[in-house]
Amino acid sequence: MTDNELNGLIRLLDDPDNEVFQIIEKNLLGRGISVVSELEKAWENSTNHFIHSRIENIIHKIQFTDVKENLQKWLKSSEKNLLEGAFYIARYQYPDLSYETLREQMARIKNDIWRDILKNLTPLEQVRYLNHVIYHLHHFIGNTTNFFSPQNSYINLVLETRKGNSISLSIIYLLIAQEFGLPIFGVNLPKNFILCYKNEINSEILFYINPFNRGLIVFEHNIKSFLEEQKISEHKSFYEPCVNEAILHRLMLNLISSYQKLNISEKIDDLQTLERLFDPKALGYEL
């Protein structure tokens, strides 16, 4: 399709005939993300609210399809880079977000960590050192004031505001730790996602880390007490490392829950569609 043909289709968006519009919409959707900039220009150049509504709906469908396709590719990939996965979820709400921007924001935190110092510390000292950089130098904190806000689950906003929920803060902590080769992994604990530090020799878990509580170090008996207080039946997955799919799935569930509290049905429907892309068998826990 040439630029002239594309512009011709866009000019026909005001056609009152619904069958004609469906043909035009199908053609535009088929072009994918490449037509969004032209659609945005058409929106800016029009004062017609009817056309505005149609353009907005088409752009949303295109951008949602792009997020869905990228998330599907991520789930099928062997690497499953955690920052990349969180990036695709953030692009649902912020379609113009740049992956390079996230990488640069993460790099600024990592640059404050001295690898030579880190490698000569004990596991407990390493975690305390990371805690100093993440919570004292960069001022990350659990968002207790707006605990259920969707903003807590979008990685770009968490990096900007330094406020997040247990999962988003764990993702940032985990990405930093893995950059320096530390054996730290996610643990899918209900109501409070945490991390664990494994012994590199025998793979036993030495202790757990609570990123929402400024990297507080806890142990197995603390988890048992927490589950008892919350009246949650024990499951081995609450104590063991989980895969990146499970971390991203948990992030998705948090977003859905946030929008349910706000009663925003359109976003709930979209995110539930994305959530269904996850294979329950790959998550390591029952849905």
C-alpha atoms as a PDB file:
ATOM      1  CA  MET A   1       0.000   0.000   0.000  1.00  0.00           C
ATOM      2  CA  THR A   2       1.424   3.375  -1.052  1.00  0.00           C
ATOM      3  CA  ASP A   3       1.324   6.531   1.059  1.00  0.00           C
ATOM      4  CA  ASN A   4      -1.358   7.928  -1.256  1.00  0.00           C
ATOM      5  CA  GLU A   5      -3.490   4.815  -0.803  1.00  0.00           C
ATOM      6  CA  LEU A   6      -3.030   5.009   2.972  1.00  0.00           C
ATOM      7  CA  ASN A   7      -4.034   8.677   3.084  1.00  0.00           C
ATOM      8  CA  GLY A   8      -6.993   7.884   0.867  1.00  0.00           C
ATOM      9  CA  LEU A   9      -8.207   5.263   3.334  1.00  0.00           C
ATOM     10  CA  ILE A  10      -7.789   7.646   6.257  1.00  0.00           C
ATOM     11  CA  ARG A  11      -9.815  10.322   4.452  1.00  0.00           C
ATOM     12  CA  LEU A  12     -12.685   7.830   4.163  1.00  0.00           C
ATOM     13  CA  LEU A  13     -12.910   7.317   7.919  1.00  0.00           C
ATOM     14  CA  ASP A  14     -15.857   9.700   8.071  1.00  0.00           C
ATOM     15  CA  ASP A  15     -17.977   7.469   5.808  1.00  0.00           C
ATOM     16  CA  PRO A  16     -21.281   6.874   7.662  1.00  0.00           C
ATOM     17  CA  ASP A  17     -21.753   3.468   6.022  1.00  0.00           C
ATOM     18  CA  ASN A  18     -20.664   0.923   8.644  1.00  0.00           C
ATOM     19  CA  GLU A  19     -19.813  -1.745   6.058  1.00  0.00           C
ATOM     20  CA  VAL A  20     -17.507   0.676   4.263  1.00  0.00           C
ATOM     21  CA  PHE A  21     -15.891   1.618   7.565  1.00  0.00           C
ATOM     22  CA  GLN A  22     -15.288  -2.037   8.466  1.00  0.00           C
ATOM     23  CA  ILE A  23     -13.435  -2.547   5.170  1.00  0.00           C
ATOM     24  CA  ILE A  24     -11.321   0.555   5.783  1.00  0.00           C
ATOM     25  CA  GLU A  25     -10.624  -0.458   9.378  1.00  0.00           C
ATOM     26  CA  LYS A  26      -9.584  -3.979   8.325  1.00  0.00           C
ATOM     27  CA  ASN A  27      -7.123  -2.547   5.807  1.00  0.00           C
ATOM     28  CA  LEU A  28      -5.634  -0.161   8.340  1.00  0.00           C
ATOM     29  CA  LEU A  29      -5.360  -2.835  11.022  1.00  0.00           C
ATOM     30  CA  GLY A  30      -3.588  -5.041   8.500  1.00  0.00           C
ATOM     31  CA  ARG A  31      -0.833  -2.448   8.115  1.00  0.00           C
ATOM     32  CA  GLY A  32      -0.026  -2.677  11.805  1.00  0.00           C
ATOM     33  CA  ILE A  33       2.026  -0.273  13.880  1.00  0.00           C
ATOM     34  CA  SER A  34       3.467   1.492  10.807  1.00  0.00           C
ATOM     35  CA  VAL A  35       0.235   3.446  10.173  1.00  0.00           C
ATOM     36  CA  VAL A  36      -0.148   4.848  13.699  1.00  0.00           C
ATOM     37  CA  SER A  37       1.832   8.028  13.029  1.00  0.00           C
ATOM     38  CA  GLU A  38      -0.343   8.877  10.006  1.00  0.00           C
ATOM     39  CA  LEU A  39      -3.491   8.179  11.985  1.00  0.00           C
ATOM     40  CA  GLU A  40      -2.263  10.476  14.752  1.00  0.00           C
ATOM     41  CA  LYS A  41      -1.630  13.230  12.199  1.00  0.00           C
ATOM     42  CA  ALA A  42      -5.158  12.772  10.848  1.00  0.00           C
ATOM     43  CA  TRP A  43      -6.548  13.029  14.377  1.00  0.00           C
ATOM     44  CA  GLU A  44      -4.645  16.288  14.966  1.00  0.00           C
ATOM     45  CA  ASN A  45      -5.816  17.766  11.659  1.00  0.00           C
ATOM     46  CA  SER A  46      -9.491  17.021  12.287  1.00  0.00           C
ATOM     47  CA  THR A  47     -12.032  18.677  14.552  1.00  0.00           C
ATOM     48  CA  ASN A  48     -14.648  15.995  13.920  1.00  0.00           C
ATOM     49  CA  HIS A  49     -15.355  14.070  17.155  1.00  0.00           C
ATOM     50  CA  PHE A  50     -16.803  11.167  15.154  1.00  0.00           C
ATOM     51  CA  ILE A  51     -13.535  10.760  13.253  1.00  0.00           C
ATOM     52  CA  HIS A  52     -11.540  11.241  16.458  1.00  0.00           C
ATOM     53  CA  SER A  53     -13.401   8.351  18.066  1.00  0.00           C
ATOM     54  CA  ARG A  54     -12.853   6.054  15.093  1.00  0.00           C
ATOM     55  CA  ILE A  55      -9.154   6.884  14.864  1.00  0.00           C
ATOM     56  CA  GLU A  56      -8.641   6.393  18.593  1.00  0.00           C
ATOM     57  CA  ASN A  57     -10.291   2.976  18.451  1.00  0.00           C
ATOM     58  CA  ILE A  58      -8.189   1.874  15.480  1.00  0.00           C
ATOM     59  CA  ILE A  59      -4.959   3.083  17.069  1.00  0.00           C
ATOM     60  CA  HIS A  60      -5.810   1.257  20.287  1.00  0.00           C
ATOM     61  CA  LYS A  61      -6.516  -1.980  18.400  1.00  0.00           C
ATOM     62  CA  ILE A  62      -3.235  -1.715  16.484  1.00  0.00           C
ATOM     63  CA  GLN A  63      -1.176  -0.976  19.588  1.00  0.00           C
ATOM     64  CA  PHE A  64      -2.890  -3.698  21.609  1.00  0.00           C
ATOM     65  CA  THR A  65      -2.216  -6.234  18.849  1.00  0.00           C
ATOM     66  CA  ASP A  66       1.433  -5.155  18.815  1.00  0.00           C
ATOM     67  CA  VAL A  67       1.720  -5.707  22.591  1.00  0.00           C
ATOM     68  CA  LYS A  68      -0.033  -9.066  22.315  1.00  0.00           C
ATOM     69  CA  GLU A  69       2.226 -10.284  19.495  1.00  0.00           C
ATOM     70  CA  ASN A  70       5.408  -9.191  21.282  1.00  0.00           C
ATOM     71  CA  LEU A  71       4.288 -10.824  24.521  1.00  0.00           C
ATOM     72  CA  GLN A  72       3.549 -14.047  22.618  1.00  0.00           C
ATOM     73  CA  LYS A  73       7.065 -13.959  21.132  1.00  0.00           C
ATOM     74  CA  TRP A  74       8.512 -13.353  24.596  1.00  0.00           C
ATOM     75  CA  LEU A  75       6.656 -16.337  26.033  1.00  0.00           C
ATOM     76  CA  LYS A  76       7.912 -18.567  23.204  1.00  0.00           C
ATOM     77  CA  SER A  77      11.518 -17.374  23.468  1.00  0.00           C
ATOM     78  CA  SER A  78      14.150 -19.361  25.352  1.00  0.00           C
ATOM     79  CA  GLU A  79      15.730 -16.323  27.055  1.00  0.00           C
ATOM     80  CA  LYS A  80      12.644 -14.577  28.483  1.00  0.00           C
ATOM     81  CA  ASN A  81      14.517 -11.425  29.496  1.00  0.00           C
ATOM     82  CA  LEU A  82      12.666 -10.004  32.498  1.00  0.00           C
ATOM     83  CA  LEU A  83      13.159  -6.319  31.654  1.00  0.00           C
ATOM     84  CA  GLU A  84      11.921  -6.954  28.130  1.00  0.00           C
ATOM     85  CA  GLY A  85       8.814  -8.714  29.435  1.00  0.00           C
ATOM     86  CA  ALA A  86       8.025  -5.894  31.870  1.00  0.00           C
ATOM     87  CA  PHE A  87       8.597  -3.454  29.001  1.00  0.00           C
ATOM     88  CA  TYR A  88       5.917  -5.117  26.844  1.00  0.00           C
ATOM     89  CA  ILE A  89       3.409  -4.922  29.689  1.00  0.00           C
ATOM     90  CA  ALA A  90       4.231  -1.238  30.238  1.00  0.00           C
ATOM     91  CA  ARG A  91       3.700  -0.547  26.532  1.00  0.00           C
ATOM     92  CA  TYR A  92       0.080  -1.537  26.933  1.00  0.00           C
ATOM     93  CA  GLN A  93      -0.478   1.737  28.805  1.00  0.00           C
ATOM     94  CA  TYR A  94       2.479   3.671  27.359  1.00  0.00           C
ATOM     95  CA  PRO A  95       2.774   2.631  23.687  1.00  0.00           C
ATOM     96  CA  ASP A  96       5.484   5.196  22.911  1.00  0.00           C
ATOM     97  CA  LEU A  97       7.782   3.874  25.633  1.00  0.00           C
ATOM     98  CA  SER A  98      11.333   3.132  24.487  1.00  0.00           C
ATOM     99  CA  TYR A  99      13.142  -0.009  25.616  1.00  0.00           C
ATOM    100  CA  GLU A 100      16.416   1.898  25.460  1.00  0.00           C
ATOM    101  CA  THR A 101      15.038   4.386  27.994  1.00  0.00           C
ATOM    102  CA  LEU A 102      14.444   1.556  30.476  1.00  0.00           C
ATOM    103  CA  ARG A 103      17.919   0.147  29.852  1.00  0.00           C
ATOM    104  CA  GLU A 104      19.464   3.551  30.530  1.00  0.00           C
ATOM    105  CA  GLN A 105      17.478   3.973  33.747  1.00  0.00           C
ATOM    106  CA  MET A 106      18.589   0.549  34.956  1.00  0.00           C
ATOM    107  CA  ALA A 107      22.187   1.297  33.959  1.00  0.00           C
ATOM    108  CA  ARG A 108      22.257   4.391  36.169  1.00  0.00           C
ATOM    109  CA  ILE A 109      21.499   2.210  39.185  1.00  0.00           C
ATOM    110  CA  LYS A 110      23.973  -0.509  38.201  1.00  0.00           C
ATOM    111  CA  ASN A 111      26.729   2.057  37.675  1.00  0.00           C
ATOM    112  CA  ASP A 112      26.651   2.855  41.393  1.00  0.00           C
ATOM    113  CA  ILE A 113      27.574  -0.736  42.261  1.00  0.00           C
ATOM    114  CA  TRP A 114      31.262  -1.667  42.353  1.00  0.00           C
ATOM    115  CA  ARG A 115      31.719  -5.209  41.043  1.00  0.00           C
ATOM    116  CA  ASP A 116      35.119  -5.654  42.735  1.00  0.00           C
ATOM    117  CA  ILE A 117      33.628  -4.773  46.109  1.00  0.00           C
ATOM    118  CA  LEU A 118      30.583  -6.974  45.621  1.00  0.00           C
ATOM    119  CA  LYS A 119      32.494 -10.138  44.738  1.00  0.00           C
ATOM    120  CA  ASN A 120      34.565 -10.026  47.943  1.00  0.00           C
ATOM    121  CA  LEU A 121      31.534  -9.856  50.258  1.00  0.00           C
ATOM    122  CA  THR A 122      29.581 -12.649  51.941  1.00  0.00           C
ATOM    123  CA  PRO A 123      26.002 -13.266  50.677  1.00  0.00           C
ATOM    124  CA  LEU A 124      24.509 -11.262  53.558  1.00  0.00           C
ATOM    125  CA  GLU A 125      26.972  -8.432  52.977  1.00  0.00           C
ATOM    126  CA  GLN A 126      26.192  -8.450  49.245  1.00  0.00           C
ATOM    127  CA  VAL A 127      22.491  -8.004  49.931  1.00  0.00           C
ATOM    128  CA  ARG A 128      23.139  -5.226  52.431  1.00  0.00           C
ATOM    129  CA  TYR A 129      25.327  -3.519  49.838  1.00  0.00           C
ATOM    130  CA  LEU A 130      22.591  -3.796  47.177  1.00  0.00           C
ATOM    131  CA  ASN A 131      20.070  -2.495  49.704  1.00  0.00           C
ATOM    132  CA  HIS A 132      22.265   0.540  50.323  1.00  0.00           C
ATOM    133  CA  VAL A 133      22.442   1.369  46.617  1.00  0.00           C
ATOM    134  CA  ILE A 134      18.786   0.645  45.791  1.00  0.00           C
ATOM    135  CA  TYR A 135      17.067   2.082  48.859  1.00  0.00           C
ATOM    136  CA  HIS A 136      19.463   4.698  50.206  1.00  0.00           C
ATOM    137  CA  LEU A 137      21.229   6.037  47.114  1.00  0.00           C
ATOM    138  CA  HIS A 138      18.324   5.674  44.662  1.00  0.00           C
ATOM    139  CA  HIS A 139      15.480   5.973  47.188  1.00  0.00           C
ATOM    140  CA  PHE A 140      13.243   3.120  45.985  1.00  0.00           C
ATOM    141  CA  ILE A 141      10.344   2.441  48.323  1.00  0.00           C
ATOM    142  CA  GLY A 142       7.168   0.387  48.533  1.00  0.00           C
ATOM    143  CA  ASN A 143       4.156   2.501  47.632  1.00  0.00           C
ATOM    144  CA  THR A 144       2.090   2.113  50.784  1.00  0.00           C
ATOM    145  CA  THR A 145       0.089   5.311  50.185  1.00  0.00           C
ATOM    146  CA  ASN A 146      -1.387   4.177  46.835  1.00  0.00           C
ATOM    147  CA  PHE A 147      -0.825   0.465  47.263  1.00  0.00           C
ATOM    148  CA  PHE A 148      -3.411  -0.641  44.670  1.00  0.00           C
ATOM    149  CA  SER A 149      -2.553   1.923  41.979  1.00  0.00           C
ATOM    150  CA  PRO A 150      -1.858   0.484  38.486  1.00  0.00           C
ATOM    151  CA  GLN A 151       1.194   2.754  38.348  1.00  0.00           C
ATOM    152  CA  ASN A 152       2.946   0.405  40.769  1.00  0.00           C
ATOM    153  CA  SER A 153       3.046  -2.312  38.105  1.00  0.00           C
ATOM    154  CA  TYR A 154       4.388  -0.304  35.162  1.00  0.00           C
ATOM    155  CA  ILE A 155       8.175  -0.622  35.202  1.00  0.00           C
ATOM    156  CA  ASN A 156       8.771   2.777  33.560  1.00  0.00           C
ATOM    157  CA  LEU A 157       6.790   4.608  36.240  1.00  0.00           C
ATOM    158  CA  VAL A 158       8.443   2.672  39.056  1.00  0.00           C
ATOM    159  CA  LEU A 159      11.855   3.654  37.716  1.00  0.00           C
ATOM    160  CA  GLU A 160      10.739   7.288  37.430  1.00  0.00           C
ATOM    161  CA  THR A 161       8.901   7.681  40.746  1.00  0.00           C
ATOM    162  CA  ARG A 162      10.984   5.161  42.738  1.00  0.00           C
ATOM    163  CA  LYS A 163       7.718   3.749  44.115  1.00  0.00           C
ATOM    164  CA  GLY A 164       6.308   0.325  43.350  1.00  0.00           C
ATOM    165  CA  ASN A 165       4.687  -2.844  44.604  1.00  0.00           C
ATOM    166  CA  SER A 166       6.375  -6.041  45.772  1.00  0.00           C
ATOM    167  CA  ILE A 167       6.583  -7.467  42.256  1.00  0.00           C
ATOM    168  CA  SER A 168       7.876  -4.427  40.375  1.00  0.00           C
ATOM    169  CA  LEU A 169      10.462  -3.695  43.079  1.00  0.00           C
ATOM    170  CA  SER A 170      11.496  -7.356  43.028  1.00  0.00           C
ATOM    171  CA  ILE A 171      11.958  -7.199  39.254  1.00  0.00           C
ATOM    172  CA  ILE A 172      14.275  -4.190  39.560  1.00  0.00           C
ATOM    173  CA  TYR A 173      16.187  -5.794  42.443  1.00  0.00           C
ATOM    174  CA  LEU A 174      16.439  -9.074  40.550  1.00  0.00           C
ATOM    175  CA  LEU A 175      17.699  -7.450  37.343  1.00  0.00           C
ATOM    176  CA  ILE A 176      20.420  -5.637  39.265  1.00  0.00           C
ATOM    177  CA  ALA A 177      21.474  -8.755  41.180  1.00  0.00           C
ATOM    178  CA  GLN A 178      21.608 -10.905  38.047  1.00  0.00           C
ATOM    179  CA  GLU A 179      23.699  -8.281  36.244  1.00  0.00           C
ATOM    180  CA  PHE A 180      26.426  -9.011  38.799  1.00  0.00           C
ATOM    181  CA  GLY A 181      25.960 -12.772  38.729  1.00  0.00           C
ATOM    182  CA  LEU A 182      24.396 -13.102  42.169  1.00  0.00           C
ATOM    183  CA  PRO A 183      22.300 -16.275  42.692  1.00  0.00           C
ATOM    184  CA  ILE A 184      19.132 -14.353  43.567  1.00  0.00           C
ATOM    185  CA  PHE A 185      15.753 -15.513  42.239  1.00  0.00           C
ATOM    186  CA  GLY A 186      12.079 -14.637  42.464  1.00  0.00           C
ATOM    187  CA  VAL A 187       9.779 -16.452  44.889  1.00  0.00           C
ATOM    188  CA  ASN A 188       6.055 -16.404  44.158  1.00  0.00           C
ATOM    189  CA  LEU A 189       4.800 -15.827  47.694  1.00  0.00           C
ATOM    190  CA  PRO A 190       1.081 -14.879  47.822  1.00  0.00           C
ATOM    191  CA  LYS A 191       0.327 -11.285  48.831  1.00  0.00           C
ATOM    192  CA  ASN A 192       4.021 -10.386  49.014  1.00  0.00           C
ATOM    193  CA  PHE A 193       6.370 -11.381  46.210  1.00  0.00           C
ATOM    194  CA  ILE A 194       9.914 -11.900  47.540  1.00  0.00           C
ATOM    195  CA  LEU A 195      13.373 -13.083  46.454  1.00  0.00           C
ATOM    196  CA  CYS A 196      15.723 -15.815  47.621  1.00  0.00           C
ATOM    197  CA  TYR A 197      19.487 -16.160  47.742  1.00  0.00           C
ATOM    198  CA  LYS A 198      20.743 -19.647  46.837  1.00  0.00           C
ATOM    199  CA  ASN A 199      23.969 -21.355  47.827  1.00  0.00           C
ATOM    200  CA  GLU A 200      25.908 -21.673  44.558  1.00  0.00           C
ATOM    201  CA  ILE A 201      27.537 -24.930  45.676  1.00  0.00           C
ATOM    202  CA  ASN A 202      24.526 -27.025  46.737  1.00  0.00           C
ATOM    203  CA  SER A 203      21.623 -24.818  45.513  1.00  0.00           C
ATOM    204  CA  GLU A 204      20.115 -24.616  48.996  1.00  0.00           C
ATOM    205  CA  ILE A 205      18.329 -21.379  49.856  1.00  0.00           C
ATOM    206  CA  LEU A 206      20.366 -19.398  52.362  1.00  0.00           C
ATOM    207  CA  PHE A 207      17.760 -16.725  53.084  1.00  0.00           C
ATOM    208  CA  TYR A 208      14.998 -14.626  51.564  1.00  0.00           C
ATOM    209  CA  ILE A 209      14.819 -10.922  50.659  1.00  0.00           C
ATOM    210  CA  ASN A 210      11.759  -8.669  50.893  1.00  0.00           C
ATOM    211  CA  PRO A 211      12.237  -5.852  48.313  1.00  0.00           C
ATOM    212  CA  PHE A 212       8.975  -4.161  49.325  1.00  0.00           C
ATOM    213  CA  ASN A 213      10.350  -3.772  52.852  1.00  0.00           C
ATOM    214  CA  ARG A 214      13.673  -2.163  51.830  1.00  0.00           C
ATOM    215  CA  GLY A 215      15.412  -5.492  51.203  1.00  0.00           C
ATOM    216  CA  LEU A 216      14.672  -6.952  54.639  1.00  0.00           C
ATOM    217  CA  ILE A 217      16.316 -10.361  55.068  1.00  0.00           C
ATOM    218  CA  VAL A 218      13.933 -13.102  56.240  1.00  0.00           C
ATOM    219  CA  PHE A 219      14.052 -16.865  56.670  1.00  0.00           C
ATOM    220  CA  GLU A 220      11.819 -19.875  56.099  1.00  0.00           C
ATOM    221  CA  HIS A 221      10.187 -19.643  59.522  1.00  0.00           C
ATOM    222  CA  ASN A 222       9.198 -16.033  58.748  1.00  0.00           C
ATOM    223  CA  ILE A 223       7.404 -17.202  55.606  1.00  0.00           C
ATOM    224  CA  LYS A 224       5.613 -19.915  57.583  1.00  0.00           C
ATOM    225  CA  SER A 225       4.455 -17.334  60.111  1.00  0.00           C
ATOM    226  CA  PHE A 226       3.286 -15.019  57.338  1.00  0.00           C
ATOM    227  CA  LEU A 227       1.233 -17.776  55.691  1.00  0.00           C
ATOM    228  CA  GLU A 228      -0.338 -18.679  59.030  1.00  0.00           C
ATOM    229  CA  GLU A 229      -1.254 -15.039  59.684  1.00  0.00           C
ATOM    230  CA  GLN A 230      -2.794 -14.734  56.227  1.00  0.00           C
ATOM    231  CA  LYS A 231      -4.558 -18.114  56.635  1.00  0.00           C
ATOM    232  CA  ILE A 232      -2.962 -19.400  53.422  1.00  0.00           C
ATOM    233  CA  SER A 233      -2.265 -23.121  53.056  1.00  0.00           C
ATOM    234  CA  GLU A 234       1.383 -23.924  52.481  1.00  0.00           C
ATOM    235  CA  HIS A 235       2.691 -24.890  49.050  1.00  0.00           C
ATOM    236  CA  LYS A 236       6.280 -25.670  48.098  1.00  0.00           C
ATOM    237  CA  SER A 237       6.180 -22.987  45.367  1.00  0.00           C
ATOM    238  CA  PHE A 238       5.903 -20.357  48.129  1.00  0.00           C
ATOM    239  CA  TYR A 239       9.459 -21.196  49.201  1.00  0.00           C
ATOM    240  CA  GLU A 240      11.209 -21.997  45.930  1.00  0.00           C
ATOM    241  CA  PRO A 241      12.538 -19.950  42.984  1.00  0.00           C
ATOM    242  CA  CYS A 242      10.053 -19.314  40.188  1.00  0.00           C
ATOM    243  CA  VAL A 243      10.515 -18.811  36.454  1.00  0.00           C
ATOM    244  CA  ASN A 244      10.333 -15.432  34.725  1.00  0.00           C
ATOM    245  CA  GLU A 245       6.951 -16.326  33.188  1.00  0.00           C
ATOM    246  CA  ALA A 246       5.536 -16.612  36.706  1.00  0.00           C
ATOM    247  CA  ILE A 247       6.952 -13.214  37.690  1.00  0.00           C
ATOM    248  CA  LEU A 248       5.436 -11.537  34.640  1.00  0.00           C
ATOM    249  CA  HIS A 249       2.150 -13.377  35.137  1.00  0.00           C
ATOM    250  CA  ARG A 250       2.006 -12.158  38.729  1.00  0.00           C
ATOM    251  CA  LEU A 251       2.660  -8.601  37.492  1.00  0.00           C
ATOM    252  CA  MET A 252      -0.228  -9.004  35.048  1.00  0.00           C
ATOM    253  CA  LEU A 253      -2.587 -10.271  37.760  1.00  0.00           C
ATOM    254  CA  ASN A 254      -1.707  -7.276  39.905  1.00  0.00           C
ATOM    255  CA  LEU A 255      -2.598  -4.912  37.076  1.00  0.00           C
ATOM    256  CA  ILE A 256      -5.911  -6.651  36.488  1.00  0.00           C
ATOM    257  CA  SER A 257      -6.705  -6.421  40.202  1.00  0.00           C
ATOM    258  CA  SER A 258      -5.814  -2.695  40.220  1.00  0.00           C
ATOM    259  CA  TYR A 259      -8.154  -1.917  37.323  1.00  0.00           C
ATOM    260  CA  GLN A 260     -10.895  -4.051  38.872  1.00  0.00           C
ATOM    261  CA  LYS A 261     -10.740  -1.845  41.952  1.00  0.00           C
ATOM    262  CA  LEU A 262     -11.038   1.178  39.654  1.00  0.00           C
ATOM    263  CA  ASN A 263     -13.816  -0.542  37.658  1.00  0.00           C
ATOM    264  CA  ILE A 264     -12.210   0.206  34.273  1.00  0.00           C
ATOM    265  CA  SER A 265     -13.776  -2.619  32.275  1.00  0.00           C
ATOM    266  CA  GLU A 266     -11.995  -1.963  28.963  1.00  0.00           C
ATOM    267  CA  LYS A 267      -8.560  -2.336  30.525  1.00  0.00           C
ATOM    268  CA  ILE A 268      -9.667  -5.363  32.526  1.00  0.00           C
ATOM    269  CA  ASP A 269     -10.833  -7.089  29.334  1.00  0.00           C
ATOM    270  CA  ASP A 270      -7.607  -6.238  27.489  1.00  0.00           C
ATOM    271  CA  LEU A 271      -5.337  -7.423  30.282  1.00  0.00           C
ATOM    272  CA  GLN A 272      -7.319 -10.612  30.819  1.00  0.00           C
ATOM    273  CA  THR A 273      -6.808 -11.338  27.117  1.00  0.00           C
ATOM    274  CA  LEU A 274      -3.054 -10.911  27.601  1.00  0.00           C
ATOM    275  CA  GLU A 275      -3.110 -12.962  30.808  1.00  0.00           C
ATOM    276  CA  ARG A 276      -4.638 -15.902  28.929  1.00  0.00           C
ATOM    277  CA  LEU A 277      -1.512 -16.065  26.747  1.00  0.00           C
ATOM    278  CA  PHE A 278       0.389 -17.603  29.659  1.00  0.00           C
ATOM    279  CA  ASP A 279       0.607 -21.392  29.747  1.00  0.00           C
ATOM    280  CA  PRO A 280      -0.452 -22.579  33.239  1.00  0.00           C
ATOM    281  CA  LYS A 281       1.877 -25.583  32.963  1.00  0.00           C
ATOM    282  CA  ALA A 282       4.908 -23.287  32.512  1.00  0.00           C
ATOM    283  CA  LEU A 283       4.201 -21.168  35.575  1.00  0.00           C
ATOM    284  CA  GLY A 284       4.960 -23.739  38.253  1.00  0.00           C
ATOM    285  CA  TYR A 285       1.802 -23.068  40.245  1.00  0.00           C
ATOM    286  CA  GLU A 286      -1.932 -23.532  39.864  1.00  0.00           C
ATOM    287  CA  LEU A 287      -4.020 -20.655  38.512  1.00  0.00           C
END
